[in-house]
Amino acid sequence: MLSHIFYKWETRLSQRDTNRIARPFEWGLDFLTKDQPEKDPKSFLIEYADRAVRESDDYHAFEPVADYRLNGGHLTFTSPLRTIYQENNTVHGWFFPKDPKRAALVLPQWNADERSHISLCRMLNAFGVSALRLSLPHHDLRMSPELTRADYMLSSNLGRTLQSVRQAVLDARAALDWLEARGYTRFAILGTSIGSCVALVTAAHDARINVAVQNHVSPYFADVVWRGISTRHVLDGLKGKITLDDLRKIWMPISPQAYFHKLRETGIKSLLVHARYDYTFLPDLSLKVLEEYRRLGLPHSTFGLYCGHYTSGVLPFNVILGAAMCRYIRRNL
């Protein structure tokens, strides 16, 4: 009975936006290489992904940023990964100082606007932790003028999606550089939905992070897109063009599953949030992540919500969840 109620509620909330566009399928090789590949597009992307995972430290390396600017609480800097979209190349962050040594980097969900997670940052302040909320690629002030949604971060263009999530990881690491330069020494990273994926990949490649909070978890990026109710319009562009198995291989560099083993080297403490009635990050996917953490002996705690993906952002669930995440960060940072 509860499952039926939450499914209807989640579906209704997922359909509030009427501007979803089923974009055409594209391999997107031009977002990953300037050369004309000799292989067919699918083979090239699978080999590209395999190499990116094997050489992930190099794949997520970047040149230091030199143009940080803080105006009031608004931080801007040039993304370490330049794209063909001018607006997207400037990273925007909102800084909420509190503790001079402890800071949390906050990464919101897909299609978040510039106000999203601001209340969470203020809650982190109330728990005694400074916060920096970062805009994801192709979101809010970084969105190209022809868009009304953040379609360029996640779409049926496979190469652009790879580029965008990689850019988000590099932006997050550059933001940590800025915090470190201001004297911060203890770092948490908190990501929600697609931000959770970015947070885990960042944590696996940046030894400065002490605490990670993954709000909604899945081992594979592709499976969430293929099975979740939030991305049905994206699936429309993928079906008949590629199989789930091949998509999983191609999007492995942006999938948490590729980097769980690297977390063993960090000693990072993680909070894994999952929702029992989540029809975007389906519960069986979340449970696979929990099983991997247990199997690998990774330090972690879990927080299960008796709600869904969208409903975790409405009262009373958002307050319960926000307090749990902030409490975990305060206790472990």
Protein backbone atom coordinates (compact mmCIF):
# COMPACT_ATOMS: atom_id res chain seq x y z
CA MET A 1 0.00 0.00 0.00
CA LEU A 2 2.79 2.44 0.91
CA SER A 3 4.69 1.46 -2.22
CA HIS A 4 1.67 2.31 -4.36
CA ILE A 5 1.18 5.65 -2.59
CA PHE A 6 4.81 6.66 -3.00
CA TYR A 7 4.94 5.53 -6.63
CA LYS A 8 2.00 7.79 -7.48
CA TRP A 9 3.51 10.64 -5.43
CA GLU A 10 6.96 10.22 -6.98
CA THR A 11 5.53 10.01 -10.49
CA ARG A 12 3.48 13.16 -9.96
CA LEU A 13 6.52 15.07 -8.67
CA SER A 14 8.70 13.80 -11.52
CA GLN A 15 6.17 15.12 -14.04
CA ARG A 16 5.97 18.67 -12.68
CA ASP A 17 8.42 19.85 -15.32
CA THR A 18 6.79 19.94 -18.75
CA ASN A 19 9.92 21.01 -20.64
CA ARG A 20 11.62 17.61 -20.92
CA ILE A 21 12.89 16.92 -24.45
CA ALA A 22 13.72 13.52 -25.90
CA ARG A 23 16.91 14.44 -27.72
CA PRO A 24 18.37 12.31 -30.53
CA PHE A 25 21.01 9.69 -29.82
CA GLU A 26 24.60 10.82 -30.46
CA TRP A 27 27.91 9.10 -29.81
CA GLY A 28 29.46 12.48 -28.99
CA LEU A 29 33.05 11.61 -29.92
CA ASP A 30 33.83 15.25 -30.64
CA PHE A 31 33.49 16.00 -26.91
CA LEU A 32 36.28 13.55 -26.10
CA THR A 33 38.80 13.73 -28.93
CA LYS A 34 39.85 16.10 -31.73
CA ASP A 35 41.05 13.24 -33.90
CA GLN A 36 38.93 11.14 -36.23
CA PRO A 37 38.84 7.66 -34.65
CA GLU A 38 39.77 4.75 -36.88
CA LYS A 39 37.40 2.41 -35.04
CA ASP A 40 33.63 2.47 -35.08
CA PRO A 41 32.14 4.87 -32.47
CA LYS A 42 31.00 2.19 -30.03
CA SER A 43 34.37 0.42 -29.99
CA PHE A 44 36.16 3.74 -29.58
CA LEU A 45 33.99 4.75 -26.61
CA ILE A 46 34.36 1.38 -24.88
CA GLU A 47 38.16 1.53 -25.24
CA TYR A 48 38.15 5.20 -24.15
CA ALA A 49 36.18 4.30 -21.03
CA ASP A 50 38.40 1.34 -20.19
CA ARG A 51 41.52 3.49 -20.47
CA ALA A 52 39.96 6.30 -18.41
CA VAL A 53 39.22 3.88 -15.56
CA ARG A 54 42.65 2.22 -15.71
CA GLU A 55 44.37 5.63 -15.74
CA SER A 56 41.82 7.40 -13.58
CA ASP A 57 44.35 9.47 -11.61
CA ASP A 58 45.54 11.04 -14.86
CA TYR A 59 41.99 11.29 -16.20
CA HIS A 60 40.97 13.36 -13.16
CA ALA A 61 44.13 15.50 -13.00
CA PHE A 62 44.03 19.20 -13.89
CA GLU A 63 46.08 22.37 -14.09
CA PRO A 64 45.68 24.67 -11.04
CA VAL A 65 43.12 27.45 -11.37
CA ALA A 66 44.47 31.02 -11.14
CA ASP A 67 41.39 33.26 -11.33
CA TYR A 68 39.30 32.63 -8.20
CA ARG A 69 37.08 35.62 -7.35
CA LEU A 70 34.89 35.98 -4.26
CA ASN A 71 32.28 38.75 -4.42
CA GLY A 72 30.33 38.77 -1.19
CA GLY A 73 29.49 35.09 -0.85
CA HIS A 74 29.59 34.39 -4.60
CA LEU A 75 32.68 32.51 -5.82
CA THR A 76 33.59 32.25 -9.50
CA PHE A 77 36.50 30.65 -11.32
CA THR A 78 37.29 29.20 -14.72
CA SER A 79 36.64 25.48 -14.99
CA PRO A 80 39.81 23.37 -15.35
CA LEU A 81 38.07 21.61 -18.25
CA ARG A 82 37.08 24.01 -21.02
CA THR A 83 34.08 23.13 -23.19
CA ILE A 84 32.57 24.62 -26.34
CA TYR A 85 29.87 26.27 -24.20
CA GLN A 86 31.04 29.68 -23.00
CA GLU A 87 28.66 30.06 -20.04
CA ASN A 88 29.52 26.60 -18.78
CA ASN A 89 33.21 27.39 -18.49
CA THR A 90 32.70 29.68 -15.50
CA VAL A 91 32.10 27.81 -12.24
CA HIS A 92 29.79 29.41 -9.67
CA GLY A 93 29.78 28.70 -5.96
CA TRP A 94 28.07 30.17 -2.89
CA PHE A 95 30.20 30.31 0.24
CA PHE A 96 28.82 30.09 3.79
CA PRO A 97 31.73 30.47 6.24
CA LYS A 98 31.51 29.25 9.82
CA ASP A 99 34.28 27.05 11.20
CA PRO A 100 37.73 28.26 10.03
CA LYS A 101 39.09 24.74 9.56
CA ARG A 102 36.16 22.47 8.65
CA ALA A 103 34.28 22.86 5.38
CA ALA A 104 31.75 20.84 3.38
CA LEU A 105 31.55 21.00 -0.41
CA VAL A 106 27.90 20.65 -1.43
CA LEU A 107 26.91 19.30 -4.87
CA PRO A 108 23.19 19.44 -5.72
CA GLN A 109 21.00 17.25 -7.89
CA TRP A 110 20.40 17.22 -11.64
CA ASN A 111 18.48 20.30 -12.82
CA ALA A 112 18.96 22.11 -9.51
CA ASP A 113 18.56 25.88 -9.77
CA GLU A 114 20.84 28.39 -8.05
CA ARG A 115 18.71 28.35 -4.87
CA SER A 116 18.85 24.59 -4.41
CA HIS A 117 20.72 23.34 -1.31
CA ILE A 118 21.19 26.85 0.07
CA SER A 119 19.06 25.88 3.08
CA LEU A 120 21.23 22.80 3.54
CA CYS A 121 24.34 25.02 3.60
CA ARG A 122 22.74 27.17 6.28
CA MET A 123 21.89 24.02 8.23
CA LEU A 124 25.56 22.98 8.00
CA ASN A 125 26.44 26.39 9.46
CA ALA A 126 24.02 25.73 12.31
CA PHE A 127 25.92 22.50 12.95
CA GLY A 128 29.18 24.48 13.07
CA VAL A 129 30.58 23.63 9.61
CA SER A 130 31.44 26.00 6.76
CA ALA A 131 29.85 25.18 3.40
CA LEU A 132 30.55 25.87 -0.27
CA ARG A 133 27.67 25.07 -2.62
CA LEU A 134 28.89 24.47 -6.18
CA SER A 135 26.86 24.67 -9.38
CA LEU A 136 27.17 21.62 -11.61
CA PRO A 137 28.13 21.91 -15.30
CA HIS A 138 25.34 23.23 -17.56
CA HIS A 139 23.23 24.22 -14.55
CA ASP A 140 21.66 27.53 -13.45
CA LEU A 141 24.14 30.34 -14.26
CA ARG A 142 26.24 27.92 -16.33
CA MET A 143 23.37 26.97 -18.63
CA SER A 144 23.58 27.83 -22.32
CA PRO A 145 20.90 30.32 -23.46
CA GLU A 146 19.17 27.80 -25.74
CA LEU A 147 18.39 25.50 -22.78
CA THR A 148 15.65 25.44 -20.16
CA ARG A 149 16.95 22.26 -18.48
CA ALA A 150 20.44 20.90 -17.77
CA ASP A 151 20.25 18.53 -20.73
CA TYR A 152 23.87 19.02 -21.70
CA MET A 153 25.07 17.40 -18.47
CA LEU A 154 23.02 14.22 -18.89
CA SER A 155 21.47 13.21 -22.19
CA SER A 156 21.55 10.63 -24.95
CA ASN A 157 24.77 12.25 -26.19
CA LEU A 158 27.19 9.75 -24.68
CA GLY A 159 30.44 11.69 -25.08
CA ARG A 160 29.06 14.98 -23.78
CA THR A 161 27.70 13.23 -20.69
CA LEU A 162 31.14 11.72 -20.02
CA GLN A 163 32.75 15.14 -20.45
CA SER A 164 30.23 16.89 -18.22
CA VAL A 165 30.55 14.57 -15.22
CA ARG A 166 34.34 14.58 -15.53
CA GLN A 167 34.19 18.39 -15.59
CA ALA A 168 32.08 18.35 -12.42
CA VAL A 169 34.75 16.26 -10.65
CA LEU A 170 37.55 18.61 -11.73
CA ASP A 171 35.50 21.66 -10.68
CA ALA A 172 34.96 20.09 -7.26
CA ARG A 173 38.68 19.43 -6.83
CA ALA A 174 39.47 23.01 -7.88
CA ALA A 175 36.96 24.27 -5.29
CA LEU A 176 38.81 22.24 -2.64
CA ASP A 177 42.02 23.99 -3.74
CA TRP A 178 40.36 27.33 -3.03
CA LEU A 179 39.13 26.22 0.39
CA GLU A 180 42.57 24.86 1.26
CA ALA A 181 44.18 28.16 0.27
CA ARG A 182 41.85 29.90 2.74
CA GLY A 183 43.19 27.76 5.57
CA TYR A 184 40.71 24.88 5.69
CA THR A 185 42.25 21.54 6.64
CA ARG A 186 39.28 19.17 7.11
CA PHE A 187 36.94 18.53 4.20
CA ALA A 188 33.61 16.84 3.67
CA ILE A 189 31.82 16.38 0.36
CA LEU A 190 28.05 16.02 0.18
CA GLY A 191 26.35 15.13 -3.09
CA THR A 192 22.71 14.51 -3.96
CA SER A 193 21.53 12.28 -6.82
CA ILE A 194 23.89 12.98 -9.75
CA GLY A 195 25.86 15.12 -7.28
CA SER A 196 26.28 11.96 -5.19
CA CYS A 197 27.99 10.26 -8.12
CA VAL A 198 30.28 13.27 -8.61
CA ALA A 199 31.03 13.33 -4.88
CA LEU A 200 32.13 9.69 -4.80
CA VAL A 201 34.34 9.97 -7.88
CA THR A 202 35.90 13.13 -6.41
CA ALA A 203 36.48 11.48 -3.04
CA ALA A 204 38.18 8.52 -4.71
CA HIS A 205 40.67 10.87 -6.39
CA ASP A 206 41.32 13.54 -3.76
CA ALA A 207 43.08 12.48 -0.57
CA ARG A 208 42.11 15.72 1.21
CA ILE A 209 38.50 14.59 1.67
CA ASN A 210 37.86 13.11 5.11
CA VAL A 211 34.09 12.56 4.99
CA ALA A 212 31.71 11.80 2.12
CA VAL A 213 27.93 11.86 2.17
CA GLN A 214 26.24 10.18 -0.80
CA ASN A 215 22.58 11.18 -0.83
CA HIS A 216 21.05 8.42 -3.06
CA VAL A 217 23.45 5.79 -4.37
CA SER A 218 23.83 3.45 -7.33
CA PRO A 219 26.82 1.48 -8.58
CA TYR A 220 26.19 2.30 -12.25
CA PHE A 221 25.39 5.62 -13.90
CA ALA A 222 23.81 3.83 -16.87
CA ASP A 223 21.34 1.80 -14.81
CA VAL A 224 19.84 4.87 -13.17
CA VAL A 225 19.29 6.47 -16.58
CA TRP A 226 17.93 3.23 -18.08
CA ARG A 227 15.54 2.31 -15.25
CA GLY A 228 14.65 5.49 -13.36
CA ILE A 229 11.48 7.52 -13.82
CA SER A 230 13.43 10.81 -13.93
CA THR A 231 15.20 9.93 -17.17
CA ARG A 232 12.50 8.34 -19.28
CA HIS A 233 12.92 11.05 -21.90
CA VAL A 234 16.66 10.32 -22.05
CA LEU A 235 15.93 6.61 -22.44
CA ASP A 236 13.72 7.46 -25.43
CA GLY A 237 16.84 8.66 -27.21
CA LEU A 238 18.91 5.63 -26.19
CA LYS A 239 16.60 2.69 -26.85
CA GLY A 240 17.19 0.92 -30.12
CA LYS A 241 20.60 2.60 -30.48
CA ILE A 242 22.58 0.93 -27.69
CA THR A 243 22.17 -1.84 -25.13
CA LEU A 244 22.29 -1.34 -21.39
CA ASP A 245 25.41 -3.52 -21.19
CA ASP A 246 27.31 -1.37 -23.70
CA LEU A 247 26.05 1.85 -22.10
CA ARG A 248 27.27 0.62 -18.73
CA LYS A 249 30.74 0.02 -20.20
CA ILE A 250 30.87 3.41 -21.93
CA TRP A 251 29.73 5.32 -18.84
CA MET A 252 31.94 3.34 -16.45
CA PRO A 253 34.35 6.31 -15.90
CA ILE A 254 31.46 8.23 -14.31
CA SER A 255 30.12 5.26 -12.34
CA PRO A 256 30.89 4.73 -8.63
CA GLN A 257 31.42 1.00 -9.23
CA ALA A 258 34.71 1.77 -10.99
CA TYR A 259 36.21 3.44 -7.91
CA PHE A 260 35.04 1.61 -4.80
CA HIS A 261 38.42 -0.14 -4.59
CA LYS A 262 40.22 3.23 -4.57
CA LEU A 263 38.31 4.27 -1.46
CA ARG A 264 40.14 1.54 0.45
CA GLU A 265 43.31 3.62 0.08
CA THR A 266 41.75 6.76 1.58
CA GLY A 267 40.26 5.74 4.94
CA ILE A 268 37.41 8.12 4.19
CA LYS A 269 34.23 7.78 6.26
CA SER A 270 31.01 7.68 4.24
CA LEU A 271 27.31 8.07 4.90
CA LEU A 272 25.21 6.22 2.31
CA VAL A 273 21.64 7.50 2.04
CA HIS A 274 19.04 5.38 0.30
CA ALA A 275 15.27 5.61 0.04
CA ARG A 276 12.98 2.59 0.30
CA TYR A 277 10.50 3.92 -2.29
CA ASP A 278 13.01 5.44 -4.72
CA TYR A 279 11.95 5.01 -8.34
CA THR A 280 14.90 7.01 -9.69
CA PHE A 281 17.78 5.32 -7.85
CA LEU A 282 16.00 2.00 -7.48
CA PRO A 283 16.43 0.25 -4.10
CA ASP A 284 18.11 -2.85 -5.58
CA LEU A 285 20.81 -0.59 -7.06
CA SER A 286 21.33 1.15 -3.73
CA LEU A 287 21.58 -2.18 -1.91
CA LYS A 288 24.36 -3.26 -4.30
CA VAL A 289 26.39 -0.23 -3.18
CA LEU A 290 25.83 -1.09 0.47
CA GLU A 291 26.92 -4.66 -0.22
CA GLU A 292 30.11 -3.46 -1.93
CA TYR A 293 31.02 -1.23 1.00
CA ARG A 294 30.55 -4.13 3.39
CA ARG A 295 32.44 -6.56 1.18
CA LEU A 296 35.42 -4.21 0.85
CA GLY A 297 35.37 -3.24 4.52
CA LEU A 298 34.98 0.47 3.77
CA PRO A 299 34.17 2.66 6.81
CA HIS A 300 30.58 3.74 6.42
CA SER A 301 27.18 4.27 7.96
CA THR A 302 23.81 3.98 6.26
CA PHE A 303 20.65 6.05 6.52
CA GLY A 304 17.45 4.59 5.11
CA LEU A 305 14.51 6.84 4.32
CA TYR A 306 10.92 5.63 4.25
CA CYS A 307 10.12 7.81 1.24
CA GLY A 308 11.24 8.22 -2.38
CA HIS A 309 13.71 10.22 -4.43
CA TYR A 310 11.65 13.35 -4.98
CA THR A 311 9.79 13.11 -1.70
CA SER A 312 13.09 13.18 0.20
CA GLY A 313 13.12 16.87 -0.73
CA VAL A 314 9.72 17.71 0.82
CA LEU A 315 8.53 18.05 4.41
CA PRO A 316 9.05 16.31 6.74
CA PHE A 317 11.59 14.09 4.99
CA ASN A 318 13.92 16.91 3.91
CA VAL A 319 14.35 18.15 7.47
CA ILE A 320 14.97 14.64 8.81
CA LEU A 321 17.46 13.92 6.03
CA GLY A 322 19.23 17.28 6.28
CA ALA A 323 19.70 16.92 10.02
CA ALA A 324 21.05 13.37 9.65
CA MET A 325 23.60 14.41 7.00
CA CYS A 326 24.74 17.49 8.93
CA ARG A 327 25.02 15.53 12.15
CA TYR A 328 27.17 12.89 10.45
CA ILE A 329 29.50 15.52 9.03
CA ARG A 330 29.83 17.35 12.36
CA ARG A 331 30.55 14.11 14.21
CA ASN A 332 33.14 12.76 11.77
CA LEU A 333 34.82 15.92 10.50
